[in-house]
Amino acid sequence: MTIPSAQSLAGQQISFCNGRPKFNNEALKAKAAEQGELNAWHEAFRSQGIKAPDSVQGDFSVAIFEPNGRSFIAVDRFSIRSICYQIKNGQLQVAERADDLAGLDAELDPQALYDYLYFHMIPAPRTVFKGVYRLPAGHYALFENGKLTVAPWWQPHFIEDQRAPVGELKSEFRQILRDAVSDQLDAGTTGCFLSGGTDSSTVAGLLREVTGQPAKAFSIGFEAAGYDEMEYARLAARHFGAEHHEYYVTPDDLVRSIPDVAASYDQPFGNSSVVPAYYCAKAAREAGLTRILAGDGGDELFGGNTRYAKQRVFGAYSHIPGVLRQRLLEPLLTGSALPGKIPGIKKAVSYIEQASVPMPDRMQMYNLLTRLGLAEVLTPEFLAQIKPEDTLRQQRETYNAGDGHALVNRMLWYDWKYTLADNDLPKVLGATSLANIDVGFPLLDDRLLDFSLRLDPELKLKGLTLRWFFKEALKDFLPPEIITKKKHGFGLPFGVWAVKHPALRALALESIDSLRSLGIVRTEFLDKLVRDYLPQHPGYYGELVWILMMLAQWLARPAKSVAKM
């Protein structure tokens, strides 16, 4: 069901539900089957109040408006289905998109624009519009007697001291995986993304296993050295006998699609993988599919991102006695001229400098915006309107809200928000929506989530081996080359192409030029970025050019309403 916009309701608030909810309560399950899911939601809210989502699994969003003025909204654990809201004229107004709530007098939020430049997306609950908010993953909002309460209805509980034989865990895990993929099928027209990585290859193999038919798999390639992973996708397709569809994205494709992709989002969105994901989804739709499965979530549930191992290395520093660190190592290496005199010692200094910064601040030490220097990039007028420290405040709150003690579990919880709910899922959901095809995320199945929560953290990150259990459980299922390959995904060689391709470069430069009059980025920095930085290091600075270009393209979109600073 498509959520209606606030404007289309003409002041009326209409209850709705969205997604594929699964009611655990037998009475609610029967009501959903007989009278529809919305009636089941109403019954759940009447009987359980704000605990109503506890009885539901799967991806969902729901809004309930009662005659007495009480209103309730909620989204699933990963915000696969989203809701935006605002309080206007003493009423709670909701919509799926932030721009459906923003009226003709909407103002852009400078703090949200800073978040975008910092994160390359805008984390919930903030949106780009002042006074319009996105409900964070696993949260509800209750509006009653003129008061709004926003709080989590779900928070993870990590069980870190439970041990079980790996063989038993493997059997259970494989069955959950199979069931999760089976539950995502859609009348025989379901295919899958296939990057050649562990997650997408697992989904492709399980599609064949549960249907008995070759999976319809779709892959994206790039004619650019160091970016193309098509050989791994082909390897997985051969291994599982998939019906493999390949598409090579070109710079001309970017020129054609960037304005449409940017305009399709309800606020600026800077994940450059959205364009290849769109072309992959488009190919699936043109092949006649109505649903495609994505592999997102495997890394974030089972410890597959390289930063988990990196931060474990830095975390080891805290186990050195404090007296030794503070009185010997740090004065010797960071408080003297020694590093400049001994070759190779700079690495030790860098290690201590990073290891001395607590989590999660340490993960942002190489943030592109802050590394360049805020005063170098942003105008004084814009800086005067924002609080740069707020980005670390919100990250600390998220990181500290989880109950895990193991470093890997704390990082997983952090990534469920910043990597999945705020970034990767909106990327896939936006790309598939634009291509007019439905999408499912079997690796975010609630049963897999629960399995992850009780899995020994040492089986997720064993020493410095990423997602050890996942790979161990599937080592006789996946090709060995894919088990051992490094993570890549649909990375986009934008910077390399922007230097060499005239039309793409012209689009990027014209977009950036349009930002000069907004007073956000210093014109001197924009000149230096396109004249010096991008040609010298296209892979690195291309990311900044991309997020500035996508911001400019979003601001120039044929808007539903005219927003102003």
Foldseek 3Di string as FASTA:
>chain_A
DFWDFLVVCVPDDDKDKDFDKDFQDPVLNVCCVPPNNRVSLVVLCVVPNPLSCVRIFGWMWIWDADPVQKIKIATAQLCLQKKKWFQDPLHITIHSFQQSVAFQAWAFALQQVVCCLQQVFGFFQDARTPRMGIQFHQWMWIADPSDIDIDHSDAFFFAAPDDDDLVVLLVVVVVLLLVLLVVPDDPPQEAAEFALAPQRLSSQLSVCVNPVDAGEYFYEAEPDPPQGRVVSSVVSCVLRVHNYHYDYDDLVLCLVCLLVLLQLHSHFHQDPLLSVLLVRLLVSVVVPGQEYEYRPDPCLLQFADLVLLVVVVLLVVVVPDPCCVPVPVCCVLPVDCVVVVDPPSVVVNVSSVLSVDDPPVSVCPVRPCPVCPVPQWWFPVSVVSYDVCVVVVVLVVQLVVHPDDDSSNSVSSSCSRSVRSTHDSCSNVSSNVVSNHHYDYSCVGVVNNVSSSHDNSCCCQVNNDHSNSSCVSCVVPGDPVNSPDRDRGNDDLQLVCLVPPVSSVVLLLVLLVVCPPQRTTDPVSVCCLSPPVSVVCSNVSVSSSSSSSSNSSNQVHPRPHNYHD
